[in-house]
Every structure is written in structure tokens, then in C-alpha cells.
Amino acid sequence: MTARPDLRDAVRGCFRVDGRVQGVFFRVSACTEARRLGITGWVRNLPDGSVETVAEGLPDQVQAYLAWCRRGPPHAQVRGVSEGYAPATGEFLGFVVRV
């Protein structure tokens, strides 16, 4: 299990990824990358074909995850990522794929 960072230093990134991001293992790959980076949160498909993800961790971890989201897994074609930030809540124990 990933140790959660001190909330005083942690941030929450809320990202929406547009493009060819469903049916290309984006969620599973995002989960693997988030866990590798040591961040917590979730990722899910949206009905319009985009992917939404929330990530909490230290700023450099969240920015590394955002950089990965801008590329995605090998068969993804990311057109853009909208991003928003808030203070971390510490509510997540790990990183999961939401259905």
C-alpha cells in the first residue's frame, strides 16, 4: 500500500482526458502509472468517450501523472486534457479504476 503524503504538502488534480481514450486500456494503464508514482485517487470512463481522473499526491507526483495522461498508453490518441486543482482531502487509500 502507498504511504499517503502529509496533507499540508499534497494537492488534488482533477483531469478530463479527451480523444481516443476508451477501448485502449487507458484506465488500467493510468492506474498502473498512478500506483508507480505513489499517488492515490481514481480513474473512470465518461459517457461522452472521455476519461475523468482524480489524483492526490505531492505536486511533482501529480504533475508527472498529468504528463502521462497527456500521452496515455500506446494506442491512445489524446487530443487534450483539462485540468483543475484543489487541496488534497486524503480520502483515498490507493488508486482504483471506477466503473
PDB file of N, CA and C in Angstrom:
ATOM      1  N   MET A   1       0.840  -1.176   0.000  1.00  0.00           N
ATOM      2  CA  MET A   1       0.000   0.000   0.000  1.00  0.00           C
ATOM      3  C   MET A   1       0.886   1.240   0.000  1.00  0.00           C
ATOM      4  N   THR A   2       0.450   2.278  -0.678  1.00  0.00           N
ATOM      5  CA  THR A   2       1.190   3.518  -0.795  1.00  0.00           C
ATOM      6  C   THR A   2       1.011   4.365   0.459  1.00  0.00           C
ATOM      7  N   ALA A   3       2.106   4.898   0.973  1.00  0.00           N
ATOM      8  CA  ALA A   3       2.012   5.809   2.115  1.00  0.00           C
ATOM      9  C   ALA A   3       1.474   7.144   1.623  1.00  0.00           C
ATOM     10  N   ARG A   4       0.507   7.664   2.344  1.00  0.00           N
ATOM     11  CA  ARG A   4      -0.073   8.940   1.944  1.00  0.00           C
ATOM     12  C   ARG A   4       0.831  10.084   2.384  1.00  0.00           C
ATOM     13  N   PRO A   5       0.983  11.101   1.517  1.00  0.00           N
ATOM     14  CA  PRO A   5       1.819  12.235   1.890  1.00  0.00           C
ATOM     15  C   PRO A   5       1.121  13.082   2.950  1.00  0.00           C
ATOM     16  N   ASP A   6       1.903  13.883   3.635  1.00  0.00           N
ATOM     17  CA  ASP A   6       1.358  14.844   4.580  1.00  0.00           C
ATOM     18  C   ASP A   6       0.414  15.761   3.796  1.00  0.00           C
ATOM     19  N   LEU A   7      -0.812  15.908   4.259  1.00  0.00           N
ATOM     20  CA  LEU A   7      -1.809  16.695   3.523  1.00  0.00           C
ATOM     21  C   LEU A   7      -1.419  18.160   3.374  1.00  0.00           C
ATOM     22  N   ARG A   8      -0.530  18.637   4.212  1.00  0.00           N
ATOM     23  CA  ARG A   8      -0.104  20.033   4.078  1.00  0.00           C
ATOM     24  C   ARG A   8       0.638  20.244   2.766  1.00  0.00           C
ATOM     25  N   ASP A   9       1.268  19.206   2.261  1.00  0.00           N
ATOM     26  CA  ASP A   9       2.058  19.303   1.038  1.00  0.00           C
ATOM     27  C   ASP A   9       1.336  18.738  -0.188  1.00  0.00           C
ATOM     28  N   ALA A  10       0.271  17.989   0.029  1.00  0.00           N
ATOM     29  CA  ALA A  10      -0.399  17.283  -1.068  1.00  0.00           C
ATOM     30  C   ALA A  10      -1.382  18.184  -1.818  1.00  0.00           C
ATOM     31  N   VAL A  11      -1.609  17.836  -3.068  1.00  0.00           N
ATOM     32  CA  VAL A  11      -2.581  18.530  -3.913  1.00  0.00           C
ATOM     33  C   VAL A  11      -3.501  17.501  -4.553  1.00  0.00           C
ATOM     34  N   ARG A  12      -4.636  17.975  -5.032  1.00  0.00           N
ATOM     35  CA  ARG A  12      -5.578  17.143  -5.775  1.00  0.00           C
ATOM     36  C   ARG A  12      -5.667  17.697  -7.184  1.00  0.00           C
ATOM     37  N   GLY A  13      -5.398  16.822  -8.150  1.00  0.00           N
ATOM     38  CA  GLY A  13      -5.568  17.181  -9.548  1.00  0.00           C
ATOM     39  C   GLY A  13      -6.785  16.474 -10.105  1.00  0.00           C
ATOM     40  N   CYS A  14      -7.651  17.229 -10.767  1.00  0.00           N
ATOM     41  CA  CYS A  14      -8.854  16.679 -11.412  1.00  0.00           C
ATOM     42  C   CYS A  14      -8.673  16.887 -12.912  1.00  0.00           C
ATOM     43  N   PHE A  15      -8.595  15.795 -13.655  1.00  0.00           N
ATOM     44  CA  PHE A  15      -8.281  15.867 -15.075  1.00  0.00           C
ATOM     45  C   PHE A  15      -9.346  15.168 -15.911  1.00  0.00           C
ATOM     46  N   ARG A  16      -9.621  15.747 -17.069  1.00  0.00           N
ATOM     47  CA  ARG A  16     -10.518  15.131 -18.053  1.00  0.00           C
ATOM     48  C   ARG A  16      -9.729  14.999 -19.343  1.00  0.00           C
ATOM     49  N   VAL A  17      -9.620  13.768 -19.817  1.00  0.00           N
ATOM     50  CA  VAL A  17      -8.785  13.465 -20.976  1.00  0.00           C
ATOM     51  C   VAL A  17      -9.696  13.188 -22.168  1.00  0.00           C
ATOM     52  N   ASP A  18      -9.486  13.955 -23.245  1.00  0.00           N
ATOM     53  CA  ASP A  18     -10.293  13.809 -24.462  1.00  0.00           C
ATOM     54  C   ASP A  18      -9.461  13.208 -25.580  1.00  0.00           C
ATOM     55  N   GLY A  19     -10.149  12.526 -26.486  1.00  0.00           N
ATOM     56  CA  GLY A  19      -9.506  11.906 -27.635  1.00  0.00           C
ATOM     57  C   GLY A  19      -9.934  10.453 -27.735  1.00  0.00           C
ATOM     58  N   ARG A  20      -9.090   9.651 -28.338  1.00  0.00           N
ATOM     59  CA  ARG A  20      -9.341   8.204 -28.404  1.00  0.00           C
ATOM     60  C   ARG A  20      -8.739   7.595 -27.150  1.00  0.00           C
ATOM     61  N   VAL A  21      -9.534   7.584 -26.079  1.00  0.00           N
ATOM     62  CA  VAL A  21      -9.023   7.171 -24.774  1.00  0.00           C
ATOM     63  C   VAL A  21      -9.853   6.054 -24.135  1.00  0.00           C
ATOM     64  N   GLN A  22     -10.865   5.591 -24.829  1.00  0.00           N
ATOM     65  CA  GLN A  22     -11.617   4.441 -24.344  1.00  0.00           C
ATOM     66  C   GLN A  22     -11.383   3.281 -25.305  1.00  0.00           C
ATOM     67  N   GLY A  23     -11.320   2.081 -24.742  1.00  0.00           N
ATOM     68  CA  GLY A  23     -11.057   0.897 -25.556  1.00  0.00           C
ATOM     69  C   GLY A  23      -9.588   0.721 -25.887  1.00  0.00           C
ATOM     70  N   VAL A  24      -8.707   1.453 -25.192  1.00  0.00           N
ATOM     71  CA  VAL A  24      -7.267   1.367 -25.445  1.00  0.00           C
ATOM     72  C   VAL A  24      -6.494   1.102 -24.142  1.00  0.00           C
ATOM     73  N   PHE A  25      -7.184   0.593 -23.130  1.00  0.00           N
ATOM     74  CA  PHE A  25      -6.598   0.284 -21.822  1.00  0.00           C
ATOM     75  C   PHE A  25      -6.091   1.518 -21.090  1.00  0.00           C
ATOM     76  N   PHE A  26      -6.746   2.662 -21.332  1.00  0.00           N
ATOM     77  CA  PHE A  26      -6.328   3.893 -20.668  1.00  0.00           C
ATOM     78  C   PHE A  26      -6.497   3.789 -19.156  1.00  0.00           C
ATOM     79  N   ARG A  27      -7.656   3.324 -18.698  1.00  0.00           N
ATOM     80  CA  ARG A  27      -7.902   3.293 -17.247  1.00  0.00           C
ATOM     81  C   ARG A  27      -6.941   2.363 -16.518  1.00  0.00           C
ATOM     82  N   VAL A  28      -6.755   1.167 -17.031  1.00  0.00           N
ATOM     83  CA  VAL A  28      -5.852   0.216 -16.380  1.00  0.00           C
ATOM     84  C   VAL A  28      -4.425   0.749 -16.400  1.00  0.00           C
ATOM     85  N   SER A  29      -4.018   1.316 -17.521  1.00  0.00           N
ATOM     86  CA  SER A  29      -2.667   1.879 -17.626  1.00  0.00           C
ATOM     87  C   SER A  29      -2.498   3.078 -16.703  1.00  0.00           C
ATOM     88  N   ALA A  30      -3.532   3.912 -16.585  1.00  0.00           N
ATOM     89  CA  ALA A  30      -3.481   5.069 -15.686  1.00  0.00           C
ATOM     90  C   ALA A  30      -3.343   4.615 -14.242  1.00  0.00           C
ATOM     91  N   CYS A  31      -4.060   3.574 -13.894  1.00  0.00           N
ATOM     92  CA  CYS A  31      -3.997   3.019 -12.544  1.00  0.00           C
ATOM     93  C   CYS A  31      -2.589   2.505 -12.250  1.00  0.00           C
ATOM     94  N   THR A  32      -2.008   1.805 -13.185  1.00  0.00           N
ATOM     95  CA  THR A  32      -0.644   1.293 -13.024  1.00  0.00           C
ATOM     96  C   THR A  32       0.340   2.446 -12.860  1.00  0.00           C
ATOM     97  N   GLU A  33       0.203   3.472 -13.682  1.00  0.00           N
ATOM     98  CA  GLU A  33       1.109   4.626 -13.612  1.00  0.00           C
ATOM     99  C   GLU A  33       0.937   5.379 -12.299  1.00  0.00           C
ATOM    100  N   ALA A  34      -0.291   5.579 -11.868  1.00  0.00           N
ATOM    101  CA  ALA A  34      -0.544   6.286 -10.607  1.00  0.00           C
ATOM    102  C   ALA A  34       0.074   5.536  -9.432  1.00  0.00           C
ATOM    103  N   ARG A  35      -0.090   4.244  -9.426  1.00  0.00           N
ATOM    104  CA  ARG A  35       0.492   3.441  -8.342  1.00  0.00           C
ATOM    105  C   ARG A  35       2.014   3.497  -8.388  1.00  0.00           C
ATOM    106  N   ARG A  36       2.578   3.475  -9.584  1.00  0.00           N
ATOM    107  CA  ARG A  36       4.035   3.579  -9.731  1.00  0.00           C
ATOM    108  C   ARG A  36       4.535   4.907  -9.167  1.00  0.00           C
ATOM    109  N   LEU A  37       3.765   5.961  -9.400  1.00  0.00           N
ATOM    110  CA  LEU A  37       4.143   7.291  -8.927  1.00  0.00           C
ATOM    111  C   LEU A  37       3.850   7.504  -7.441  1.00  0.00           C
ATOM    112  N   GLY A  38       3.054   6.616  -6.846  1.00  0.00           N
ATOM    113  CA  GLY A  38       2.738   6.740  -5.429  1.00  0.00           C
ATOM    114  C   GLY A  38       1.619   7.700  -5.116  1.00  0.00           C
ATOM    115  N   ILE A  39       0.704   7.908  -6.075  1.00  0.00           N
ATOM    116  CA  ILE A  39      -0.432   8.795  -5.817  1.00  0.00           C
ATOM    117  C   ILE A  39      -1.697   7.979  -5.577  1.00  0.00           C
ATOM    118  N   THR A  40      -2.690   8.632  -5.015  1.00  0.00           N
ATOM    119  CA  THR A  40      -3.975   7.995  -4.738  1.00  0.00           C
ATOM    120  C   THR A  40      -5.067   8.678  -5.556  1.00  0.00           C
ATOM    121  N   GLY A  41      -6.210   7.986  -5.700  1.00  0.00           N
ATOM    122  CA  GLY A  41      -7.331   8.567  -6.429  1.00  0.00           C
ATOM    123  C   GLY A  41      -8.067   7.533  -7.244  1.00  0.00           C
ATOM    124  N   TRP A  42      -8.576   7.965  -8.401  1.00  0.00           N
ATOM    125  CA  TRP A  42      -9.359   7.066  -9.245  1.00  0.00           C
ATOM    126  C   TRP A  42      -9.366   7.549 -10.685  1.00  0.00           C
ATOM    127  N   VAL A  43      -9.832   6.660 -11.580  1.00  0.00           N
ATOM    128  CA  VAL A  43      -9.995   6.968 -12.995  1.00  0.00           C
ATOM    129  C   VAL A  43     -11.255   6.255 -13.482  1.00  0.00           C
ATOM    130  N   ARG A  44     -12.004   6.897 -14.393  1.00  0.00           N
ATOM    131  CA  ARG A  44     -13.212   6.278 -14.935  1.00  0.00           C
ATOM    132  C   ARG A  44     -13.509   6.814 -16.335  1.00  0.00           C
ATOM    133  N   ASN A  45     -14.251   5.997 -17.106  1.00  0.00           N
ATOM    134  CA  ASN A  45     -14.758   6.416 -18.407  1.00  0.00           C
ATOM    135  C   ASN A  45     -15.984   7.281 -18.207  1.00  0.00           C
ATOM    136  N   LEU A  46     -16.184   8.248 -19.105  1.00  0.00           N
ATOM    137  CA  LEU A  46     -17.391   9.058 -19.115  1.00  0.00           C
ATOM    138  C   LEU A  46     -18.212   8.708 -20.357  1.00  0.00           C
ATOM    139  N   PRO A  47     -19.522   8.916 -20.301  1.00  0.00           N
ATOM    140  CA  PRO A  47     -20.390   8.540 -21.421  1.00  0.00           C
ATOM    141  C   PRO A  47     -20.038   9.214 -22.753  1.00  0.00           C
ATOM    142  N   ASP A  48     -19.401  10.379 -22.709  1.00  0.00           N
ATOM    143  CA  ASP A  48     -19.083  11.088 -23.953  1.00  0.00           C
ATOM    144  C   ASP A  48     -17.802  10.596 -24.626  1.00  0.00           C
ATOM    145  N   GLY A  49     -17.159   9.553 -24.068  1.00  0.00           N
ATOM    146  CA  GLY A  49     -15.956   8.995 -24.665  1.00  0.00           C
ATOM    147  C   GLY A  49     -14.664   9.491 -24.043  1.00  0.00           C
ATOM    148  N   SER A  50     -14.763  10.440 -23.111  1.00  0.00           N
ATOM    149  CA  SER A  50     -13.564  10.932 -22.434  1.00  0.00           C
ATOM    150  C   SER A  50     -13.305  10.109 -21.176  1.00  0.00           C
ATOM    151  N   VAL A  51     -12.201  10.403 -20.520  1.00  0.00           N
ATOM    152  CA  VAL A  51     -11.829   9.751 -19.269  1.00  0.00           C
ATOM    153  C   VAL A  51     -11.646  10.842 -18.218  1.00  0.00           C
ATOM    154  N   GLU A  52     -12.159  10.584 -17.027  1.00  0.00           N
ATOM    155  CA  GLU A  52     -12.007  11.501 -15.901  1.00  0.00           C
ATOM    156  C   GLU A  52     -11.147  10.834 -14.850  1.00  0.00           C
ATOM    157  N   THR A  53     -10.279  11.612 -14.224  1.00  0.00           N
ATOM    158  CA  THR A  53      -9.415  11.063 -13.186  1.00  0.00           C
ATOM    159  C   THR A  53      -9.143  12.107 -12.112  1.00  0.00           C
ATOM    160  N   VAL A  54      -9.039  11.640 -10.893  1.00  0.00           N
ATOM    161  CA  VAL A  54      -8.690  12.477  -9.748  1.00  0.00           C
ATOM    162  C   VAL A  54      -7.462  11.851  -9.109  1.00  0.00           C
ATOM    163  N   ALA A  55      -6.441  12.678  -8.872  1.00  0.00           N
ATOM    164  CA  ALA A  55      -5.182  12.180  -8.328  1.00  0.00           C
ATOM    165  C   ALA A  55      -4.722  13.067  -7.181  1.00  0.00           C
ATOM    166  N   GLU A  56      -4.348  12.438  -6.083  1.00  0.00           N
ATOM    167  CA  GLU A  56      -3.810  13.179  -4.947  1.00  0.00           C
ATOM    168  C   GLU A  56      -2.392  12.706  -4.641  1.00  0.00           C
ATOM    169  N   GLY A  57      -1.539  13.661  -4.361  1.00  0.00           N
ATOM    170  CA  GLY A  57      -0.159  13.362  -4.001  1.00  0.00           C
ATOM    171  C   GLY A  57       0.628  14.645  -3.915  1.00  0.00           C
ATOM    172  N   LEU A  58       1.920  14.506  -3.830  1.00  0.00           N
ATOM    173  CA  LEU A  58       2.782  15.682  -3.836  1.00  0.00           C
ATOM    174  C   LEU A  58       2.714  16.339  -5.215  1.00  0.00           C
ATOM    175  N   PRO A  59       2.919  17.652  -5.280  1.00  0.00           N
ATOM    176  CA  PRO A  59       2.782  18.341  -6.569  1.00  0.00           C
ATOM    177  C   PRO A  59       3.585  17.716  -7.706  1.00  0.00           C
ATOM    178  N   ASP A  60       4.823  17.300  -7.455  1.00  0.00           N
ATOM    179  CA  ASP A  60       5.617  16.711  -8.542  1.00  0.00           C
ATOM    180  C   ASP A  60       5.060  15.367  -8.991  1.00  0.00           C
ATOM    181  N   GLN A  61       4.473  14.601  -8.065  1.00  0.00           N
ATOM    182  CA  GLN A  61       3.856  13.324  -8.431  1.00  0.00           C
ATOM    183  C   GLN A  61       2.626  13.555  -9.305  1.00  0.00           C
ATOM    184  N   VAL A  62       1.794  14.509  -8.919  1.00  0.00           N
ATOM    185  CA  VAL A  62       0.569  14.800  -9.666  1.00  0.00           C
ATOM    186  C   VAL A  62       0.920  15.363 -11.044  1.00  0.00           C
ATOM    187  N   GLN A  63       1.959  16.184 -11.129  1.00  0.00           N
ATOM    188  CA  GLN A  63       2.371  16.716 -12.424  1.00  0.00           C
ATOM    189  C   GLN A  63       2.943  15.622 -13.318  1.00  0.00           C
ATOM    190  N   ALA A  64       3.635  14.660 -12.744  1.00  0.00           N
ATOM    191  CA  ALA A  64       4.150  13.530 -13.534  1.00  0.00           C
ATOM    192  C   ALA A  64       2.988  12.695 -14.058  1.00  0.00           C
ATOM    193  N   TYR A  65       1.964  12.523 -13.243  1.00  0.00           N
ATOM    194  CA  TYR A  65       0.776  11.783 -13.679  1.00  0.00           C
ATOM    195  C   TYR A  65       0.056  12.544 -14.795  1.00  0.00           C
ATOM    196  N   LEU A  66      -0.061  13.858 -14.657  1.00  0.00           N
ATOM    197  CA  LEU A  66      -0.674  14.675 -15.704  1.00  0.00           C
ATOM    198  C   LEU A  66       0.108  14.535 -17.010  1.00  0.00           C
ATOM    199  N   ALA A  67       1.426  14.558 -16.931  1.00  0.00           N
ATOM    200  CA  ALA A  67       2.246  14.388 -18.137  1.00  0.00           C
ATOM    201  C   ALA A  67       1.957  13.044 -18.793  1.00  0.00           C
ATOM    202  N   TRP A  68       1.793  11.991 -17.971  1.00  0.00           N
ATOM    203  CA  TRP A  68       1.450  10.685 -18.527  1.00  0.00           C
ATOM    204  C   TRP A  68       0.065  10.742 -19.185  1.00  0.00           C
ATOM    205  N   CYS A  69      -0.899  11.387 -18.532  1.00  0.00           N
ATOM    206  CA  CYS A  69      -2.260  11.492 -19.099  1.00  0.00           C
ATOM    207  C   CYS A  69      -2.248  12.190 -20.449  1.00  0.00           C
ATOM    208  N   ARG A  70      -1.356  13.123 -20.643  1.00  0.00           N
ATOM    209  CA  ARG A  70      -1.271  13.833 -21.927  1.00  0.00           C
ATOM    210  C   ARG A  70      -0.776  12.922 -23.049  1.00  0.00           C
ATOM    211  N   ARG A  71      -0.108  11.827 -22.692  1.00  0.00           N
ATOM    212  CA  ARG A  71       0.353  10.842 -23.680  1.00  0.00           C
ATOM    213  C   ARG A  71      -0.575   9.637 -23.731  1.00  0.00           C
ATOM    214  N   GLY A  72      -0.871   9.094 -22.544  1.00  0.00           N
ATOM    215  CA  GLY A  72      -1.686   7.898 -22.446  1.00  0.00           C
ATOM    216  C   GLY A  72      -0.915   6.653 -22.843  1.00  0.00           C
ATOM    217  N   PRO A  73      -1.596   5.507 -22.859  1.00  0.00           N
ATOM    218  CA  PRO A  73      -0.957   4.258 -23.269  1.00  0.00           C
ATOM    219  C   PRO A  73      -0.716   4.248 -24.784  1.00  0.00           C
ATOM    220  N   PRO A  74       0.006   3.243 -25.289  1.00  0.00           N
ATOM    221  CA  PRO A  74       0.421   3.230 -26.698  1.00  0.00           C
ATOM    222  C   PRO A  74      -0.679   3.452 -27.740  1.00  0.00           C
ATOM    223  N   HIS A  75      -1.866   2.903 -27.567  1.00  0.00           N
ATOM    224  CA  HIS A  75      -2.887   3.016 -28.612  1.00  0.00           C
ATOM    225  C   HIS A  75      -3.826   4.208 -28.422  1.00  0.00           C
ATOM    226  N   ALA A  76      -3.624   4.985 -27.376  1.00  0.00           N
ATOM    227  CA  ALA A  76      -4.456   6.176 -27.148  1.00  0.00           C
ATOM    228  C   ALA A  76      -4.028   7.298 -28.086  1.00  0.00           C
ATOM    229  N   GLN A  77      -4.978   8.167 -28.376  1.00  0.00           N
ATOM    230  CA  GLN A  77      -4.702   9.393 -29.132  1.00  0.00           C
ATOM    231  C   GLN A  77      -5.316  10.543 -28.335  1.00  0.00           C
ATOM    232  N   VAL A  78      -4.540  11.097 -27.447  1.00  0.00           N
ATOM    233  CA  VAL A  78      -5.024  12.164 -26.578  1.00  0.00           C
ATOM    234  C   VAL A  78      -5.060  13.473 -27.351  1.00  0.00           C
ATOM    235  N   ARG A  79      -6.246  14.105 -27.380  1.00  0.00           N
ATOM    236  CA  ARG A  79      -6.413  15.402 -28.039  1.00  0.00           C
ATOM    237  C   ARG A  79      -6.205  16.554 -27.077  1.00  0.00           C
ATOM    238  N   GLY A  80      -6.524  16.325 -25.819  1.00  0.00           N
ATOM    239  CA  GLY A  80      -6.370  17.397 -24.850  1.00  0.00           C
ATOM    240  C   GLY A  80      -6.718  16.928 -23.452  1.00  0.00           C
ATOM    241  N   VAL A  81      -6.249  17.675 -22.483  1.00  0.00           N
ATOM    242  CA  VAL A  81      -6.530  17.379 -21.082  1.00  0.00           C
ATOM    243  C   VAL A  81      -6.925  18.676 -20.406  1.00  0.00           C
ATOM    244  N   SER A  82      -8.113  18.697 -19.818  1.00  0.00           N
ATOM    245  CA  SER A  82      -8.491  19.850 -19.000  1.00  0.00           C
ATOM    246  C   SER A  82      -8.091  19.524 -17.572  1.00  0.00           C
ATOM    247  N   GLU A  83      -7.665  20.550 -16.855  1.00  0.00           N
ATOM    248  CA  GLU A  83      -7.143  20.304 -15.519  1.00  0.00           C
ATOM    249  C   GLU A  83      -7.670  21.318 -14.520  1.00  0.00           C
ATOM    250  N   GLY A  84      -7.843  20.836 -13.302  1.00  0.00           N
ATOM    251  CA  GLY A  84      -8.247  21.673 -12.192  1.00  0.00           C
ATOM    252  C   GLY A  84      -7.553  21.173 -10.940  1.00  0.00           C
ATOM    253  N   TYR A  85      -7.388  22.065  -9.977  1.00  0.00           N
ATOM    254  CA  TYR A  85      -6.659  21.707  -8.761  1.00  0.00           C
ATOM    255  C   TYR A  85      -7.405  22.175  -7.531  1.00  0.00           C
ATOM    256  N   ALA A  86      -7.189  21.452  -6.446  1.00  0.00           N
ATOM    257  CA  ALA A  86      -7.799  21.765  -5.160  1.00  0.00           C
ATOM    258  C   ALA A  86      -6.892  21.210  -4.075  1.00  0.00           C
ATOM    259  N   PRO A  87      -7.134  21.594  -2.834  1.00  0.00           N
ATOM    260  CA  PRO A  87      -6.363  20.971  -1.751  1.00  0.00           C
ATOM    261  C   PRO A  87      -6.699  19.482  -1.661  1.00  0.00           C
ATOM    262  N   ALA A  88      -5.723  18.675  -1.322  1.00  0.00           N
ATOM    263  CA  ALA A  88      -5.958  17.242  -1.140  1.00  0.00           C
ATOM    264  C   ALA A  88      -6.840  17.018   0.081  1.00  0.00           C
ATOM    265  N   THR A  89      -7.652  15.974   0.021  1.00  0.00           N
ATOM    266  CA  THR A  89      -8.535  15.636   1.138  1.00  0.00           C
ATOM    267  C   THR A  89      -8.027  14.446   1.934  1.00  0.00           C
ATOM    268  N   GLY A  90      -7.190  13.628   1.318  1.00  0.00           N
ATOM    269  CA  GLY A  90      -6.689  12.431   1.979  1.00  0.00           C
ATOM    270  C   GLY A  90      -7.703  11.306   2.066  1.00  0.00           C
ATOM    271  N   GLU A  91      -8.790  11.407   1.284  1.00  0.00           N
ATOM    272  CA  GLU A  91      -9.863  10.413   1.377  1.00  0.00           C
ATOM    273  C   GLU A  91      -9.544   9.074   0.720  1.00  0.00           C
ATOM    274  N   PHE A  92      -8.527   9.031  -0.132  1.00  0.00           N
ATOM    275  CA  PHE A  92      -8.240   7.805  -0.874  1.00  0.00           C
ATOM    276  C   PHE A  92      -7.139   7.000  -0.200  1.00  0.00           C
ATOM    277  N   LEU A  93      -7.303   5.684  -0.214  1.00  0.00           N
ATOM    278  CA  LEU A  93      -6.296   4.796   0.365  1.00  0.00           C
ATOM    279  C   LEU A  93      -5.348   4.246  -0.699  1.00  0.00           C
ATOM    280  N   GLY A  94      -5.748   4.311  -1.933  1.00  0.00           N
ATOM    281  CA  GLY A  94      -4.953   3.800  -3.044  1.00  0.00           C
ATOM    282  C   GLY A  94      -5.471   4.425  -4.321  1.00  0.00           C
ATOM    283  N   PHE A  95      -5.176   3.806  -5.445  1.00  0.00           N
ATOM    284  CA  PHE A  95      -5.663   4.288  -6.730  1.00  0.00           C
ATOM    285  C   PHE A  95      -6.457   3.172  -7.393  1.00  0.00           C
ATOM    286  N   VAL A  96      -7.681   3.468  -7.846  1.00  0.00           N
ATOM    287  CA  VAL A  96      -8.570   2.445  -8.377  1.00  0.00           C
ATOM    288  C   VAL A  96      -9.216   2.891  -9.693  1.00  0.00           C
ATOM    289  N   VAL A  97      -9.664   1.898 -10.444  1.00  0.00           N
ATOM    290  CA  VAL A  97     -10.497   2.126 -11.620  1.00  0.00           C
ATOM    291  C   VAL A  97     -11.939   2.112 -11.165  1.00  0.00           C
ATOM    292  N   ARG A  98     -12.673   3.176 -11.434  1.00  0.00           N
ATOM    293  CA  ARG A  98     -14.099   3.227 -11.121  1.00  0.00           C
ATOM    294  C   ARG A  98     -14.894   2.835 -12.349  1.00  0.00           C
ATOM    295  N   VAL A  99     -15.995   2.169 -12.099  1.00  0.00           N
ATOM    296  CA  VAL A  99     -16.861   1.744 -13.202  1.00  0.00           C
ATOM    297  C   VAL A  99     -18.070   2.650 -13.283  1.00  0.00           C
TER     298      VAL A  99
END
